Amino acid sequence: MEHKLMSEQNNQKQDDQLDSVDIEQASEQTLEQAEEVVEQDVHQLLEEARQQASQHWDSLLRVQADMENLRRRTRIDIENAHKFGIEKLINALVPVADSLELGLDAANKPEASVDSIREGLDMTFKQLLDVLADFNVERINPEGEKFDPQKHEAMTMIPSPNHETNAVVEVFQKGYALNDRLIRPARVIVAQ
């Protein structure tokens, strides 16, 4: 019986060893499979990251090209604005120049009268003032107003019993402002 018991114990040890070997082999296979899965996952993630990086690189290059095109177009637009910014004003002034030329031609004719020349000059001057008004150029004529050093330039001061102190007595040259910004002050004589 003892022999039988020892035999059973030996069989049990062998079975345990076999089970242990089977578990080790199964563990090694599972570990190898897990490593293969992890390696495949890492390769897949790496490939996805490479594709994403490639897409981002392409997007960056496109954005850089778009920005360069925008800079170039903006530079050209600014150059054109500098070159042709007053084109509208010039187009409006050309008829005034034509009118002056016609007036000069008419004044050189023997049948020209002072009244007809004066009438032509008045019409041309009105035409010029209309063009200036269209471009928001305001004419400053301060005669009789109080002197304003922001808009007027005093050429001299004279005593004048007919005017208040610091009132504009006479205007030598009218001033001009563009959109309320002074272009040239009115040159005036001021009462003391």
Protein backbone atom coordinates (compact mmCIF):
# COMPACT_ATOMS: atom_id res chain seq x y z
CA MET A 1 0.00 0.00 0.00
CA GLU A 2 2.75 2.28 0.73
CA HIS A 3 4.06 1.56 -2.64
CA LYS A 4 0.72 2.41 -4.12
CA LEU A 5 0.60 5.63 -2.17
CA MET A 6 4.05 6.58 -3.36
CA SER A 7 3.13 5.74 -6.85
CA GLU A 8 0.10 7.93 -6.65
CA GLN A 9 2.16 10.74 -5.19
CA ASN A 10 4.68 10.37 -8.00
CA ASN A 11 1.90 10.38 -10.53
CA GLN A 12 0.48 13.45 -8.84
CA LYS A 13 3.88 15.17 -8.99
CA GLN A 14 4.24 14.28 -12.65
CA ASP A 15 0.75 15.54 -13.34
CA ASP A 16 1.56 18.74 -11.46
CA GLN A 17 4.80 19.10 -13.39
CA LEU A 18 2.96 18.49 -16.65
CA ASP A 19 0.32 21.01 -15.66
CA SER A 20 3.04 23.45 -14.74
CA VAL A 21 4.75 22.89 -18.10
CA ASP A 22 1.42 23.28 -19.89
CA ILE A 23 0.73 26.50 -17.98
CA GLU A 24 4.22 27.79 -18.76
CA GLN A 25 3.81 26.91 -22.45
CA ALA A 26 0.35 28.45 -22.49
CA SER A 27 1.72 31.54 -20.72
CA GLU A 28 4.58 31.79 -23.20
CA GLN A 29 2.16 31.46 -26.14
CA THR A 30 -0.20 34.02 -24.60
CA LEU A 31 2.72 36.35 -23.95
CA GLU A 32 3.96 35.94 -27.54
CA GLN A 33 0.45 36.56 -28.86
CA ALA A 34 0.09 39.60 -26.62
CA GLU A 35 3.44 40.94 -27.83
CA GLU A 36 2.35 40.40 -31.45
CA VAL A 37 -0.96 42.22 -30.81
CA VAL A 38 0.83 45.07 -29.04
CA GLU A 39 3.39 45.28 -31.85
CA GLN A 40 0.61 45.34 -34.45
CA ASP A 41 -1.23 48.02 -32.45
CA VAL A 42 1.95 50.08 -32.14
CA HIS A 43 2.62 49.76 -35.88
CA GLN A 44 -0.99 50.69 -36.65
CA LEU A 45 -0.85 53.69 -34.30
CA LEU A 46 2.50 54.72 -35.78
CA GLU A 47 1.11 54.50 -39.31
CA GLU A 48 -1.95 56.54 -38.31
CA ALA A 49 0.30 59.14 -36.68
CA ARG A 50 2.44 59.30 -39.83
CA GLN A 51 -0.67 59.79 -41.99
CA GLN A 52 -1.94 62.52 -39.66
CA ALA A 53 1.46 64.21 -39.66
CA SER A 54 1.51 64.06 -43.46
CA GLN A 55 -1.97 65.61 -43.63
CA HIS A 56 -0.95 68.35 -41.21
CA TRP A 57 2.22 69.02 -43.21
CA ASP A 58 0.16 69.33 -46.41
CA SER A 59 -2.26 71.67 -44.63
CA LEU A 60 0.62 73.79 -43.36
CA LEU A 61 2.12 74.07 -46.83
CA ARG A 62 -1.26 75.11 -48.27
CA VAL A 63 -1.78 77.72 -45.56
CA GLN A 64 1.72 79.10 -46.15
CA ALA A 65 1.06 79.29 -49.89
CA ASP A 66 -2.28 81.01 -49.27
CA MET A 67 -0.62 83.52 -46.93
CA GLU A 68 2.10 84.25 -49.47
CA ASN A 69 -0.53 84.77 -52.19
CA LEU A 70 -2.49 87.05 -49.86
CA ARG A 71 0.64 89.09 -49.07
CA ARG A 72 1.41 89.41 -52.78
CA ARG A 73 -2.16 90.44 -53.67
CA THR A 74 -2.25 92.93 -50.79
CA ARG A 75 1.09 94.43 -51.84
CA ILE A 76 -0.18 94.81 -55.43
CA ASP A 77 -3.46 96.36 -54.18
CA ILE A 78 -1.54 98.86 -52.04
CA GLU A 79 0.79 99.73 -54.93
CA ASN A 80 -2.24 100.27 -57.18
CA ALA A 81 -3.93 102.38 -54.51
CA HIS A 82 -0.82 104.57 -54.34
CA LYS A 83 -0.54 104.81 -58.12
CA PHE A 84 -4.22 105.22 -58.96
CA GLY A 85 -5.79 106.41 -55.69
CA ILE A 86 -6.63 109.82 -57.11
CA GLU A 87 -7.94 108.50 -60.42
CA LYS A 88 -11.53 109.37 -59.50
CA LEU A 89 -10.50 112.92 -58.60
CA ILE A 90 -8.55 113.30 -61.85
CA ASN A 91 -11.54 112.03 -63.85
CA ALA A 92 -13.68 114.69 -62.15
CA LEU A 93 -11.10 117.46 -62.76
CA VAL A 94 -10.57 116.74 -66.47
CA PRO A 95 -13.88 118.42 -67.47
CA VAL A 96 -12.84 121.49 -65.44
CA ALA A 97 -9.56 121.61 -67.36
CA ASP A 98 -11.51 121.25 -70.63
CA SER A 99 -13.74 124.13 -69.60
CA LEU A 100 -10.73 126.32 -68.81
CA GLU A 101 -9.17 125.47 -72.15
CA LEU A 102 -12.39 126.37 -73.98
CA GLY A 103 -12.53 129.65 -72.03
CA LEU A 104 -8.96 130.50 -73.00
CA ASP A 105 -9.68 129.74 -76.65
CA ALA A 106 -12.81 131.90 -76.51
CA ALA A 107 -10.91 134.76 -74.81
CA ASN A 108 -8.33 134.78 -77.65
CA LYS A 109 -11.00 135.37 -80.31
CA PRO A 110 -11.48 138.97 -81.47
CA GLU A 111 -15.23 138.87 -80.82
CA ALA A 112 -14.75 137.88 -77.13
CA SER A 113 -16.20 140.28 -74.60
CA VAL A 114 -15.22 140.74 -70.97
CA ASP A 115 -18.72 139.74 -69.89
CA SER A 116 -18.65 136.44 -71.83
CA ILE A 117 -15.18 135.64 -70.45
CA ARG A 118 -16.33 136.48 -66.93
CA GLU A 119 -19.43 134.31 -67.36
CA GLY A 120 -17.30 131.39 -68.60
CA LEU A 121 -14.88 131.78 -65.68
CA ASP A 122 -17.77 131.86 -63.20
CA MET A 123 -19.21 128.64 -64.66
CA THR A 124 -15.80 126.94 -64.63
CA PHE A 125 -15.14 128.06 -61.05
CA LYS A 126 -18.54 126.72 -59.95
CA GLN A 127 -17.74 123.46 -61.73
CA LEU A 128 -14.44 123.25 -59.80
CA LEU A 129 -16.15 123.96 -56.47
CA ASP A 130 -18.71 121.22 -57.23
CA VAL A 131 -15.90 118.73 -57.87
CA LEU A 132 -14.22 119.69 -54.60
CA ALA A 133 -17.52 119.32 -52.73
CA ASP A 134 -18.03 115.88 -54.28
CA PHE A 135 -14.71 114.88 -52.72
CA ASN A 136 -15.64 116.31 -49.29
CA VAL A 137 -13.40 119.35 -49.66
CA GLU A 138 -14.92 122.22 -47.71
CA ARG A 139 -14.10 125.82 -48.52
CA ILE A 140 -13.35 128.00 -45.48
CA ASN A 141 -14.46 131.63 -45.89
CA PRO A 142 -14.43 133.14 -42.37
CA GLU A 143 -15.15 136.79 -43.21
CA GLY A 144 -17.03 138.40 -40.31
CA GLU A 145 -16.46 135.36 -38.04
CA LYS A 146 -14.38 135.26 -34.89
CA PHE A 147 -10.71 134.41 -35.52
CA ASP A 148 -9.96 130.70 -34.96
CA PRO A 149 -6.24 129.85 -34.94
CA GLN A 150 -7.14 126.21 -35.72
CA LYS A 151 -8.64 127.22 -39.09
CA HIS A 152 -7.25 130.68 -39.81
CA GLU A 153 -3.84 132.24 -40.26
CA ALA A 154 -3.66 135.90 -39.26
CA MET A 155 -1.59 137.85 -41.78
CA THR A 156 -1.92 141.10 -39.84
CA MET A 157 -4.10 142.86 -37.30
CA ILE A 158 -5.68 146.26 -37.89
CA PRO A 159 -7.77 148.58 -35.75
CA SER A 160 -11.37 148.46 -36.95
CA PRO A 161 -14.19 150.36 -35.24
CA ASN A 162 -16.73 148.46 -37.37
CA HIS A 163 -15.69 144.98 -36.12
CA GLU A 164 -15.39 143.25 -32.77
CA THR A 165 -11.94 142.46 -31.40
CA ASN A 166 -10.50 139.25 -32.98
CA ALA A 167 -13.08 139.27 -35.77
CA VAL A 168 -11.96 138.48 -39.31
CA VAL A 169 -12.06 141.74 -41.27
CA GLU A 170 -10.85 140.52 -44.64
CA VAL A 171 -9.91 137.17 -46.22
CA PHE A 172 -6.80 137.12 -48.43
CA GLN A 173 -7.07 133.45 -49.31
CA LYS A 174 -9.85 131.08 -48.45
CA GLY A 175 -8.92 127.93 -46.58
CA TYR A 176 -9.76 124.33 -47.40
CA ALA A 177 -10.49 121.26 -45.30
CA LEU A 178 -10.78 117.64 -46.41
CA ASN A 179 -13.23 115.61 -44.30
CA ASP A 180 -12.85 118.18 -41.50
CA ARG A 181 -9.05 117.98 -41.66
CA LEU A 182 -7.44 121.31 -42.43
CA ILE A 183 -5.59 121.33 -45.74
CA ARG A 184 -4.82 125.04 -45.84
CA PRO A 185 -5.84 127.67 -43.30
CA ALA A 186 -7.70 130.77 -44.46
CA ARG A 187 -5.30 133.73 -44.58
CA VAL A 188 -7.00 136.66 -42.96
CA ILE A 189 -6.76 140.18 -41.52
CA VAL A 190 -8.01 140.35 -37.94
CA ALA A 191 -9.51 143.30 -36.06
CA GLN A 192 -7.66 144.53 -32.94
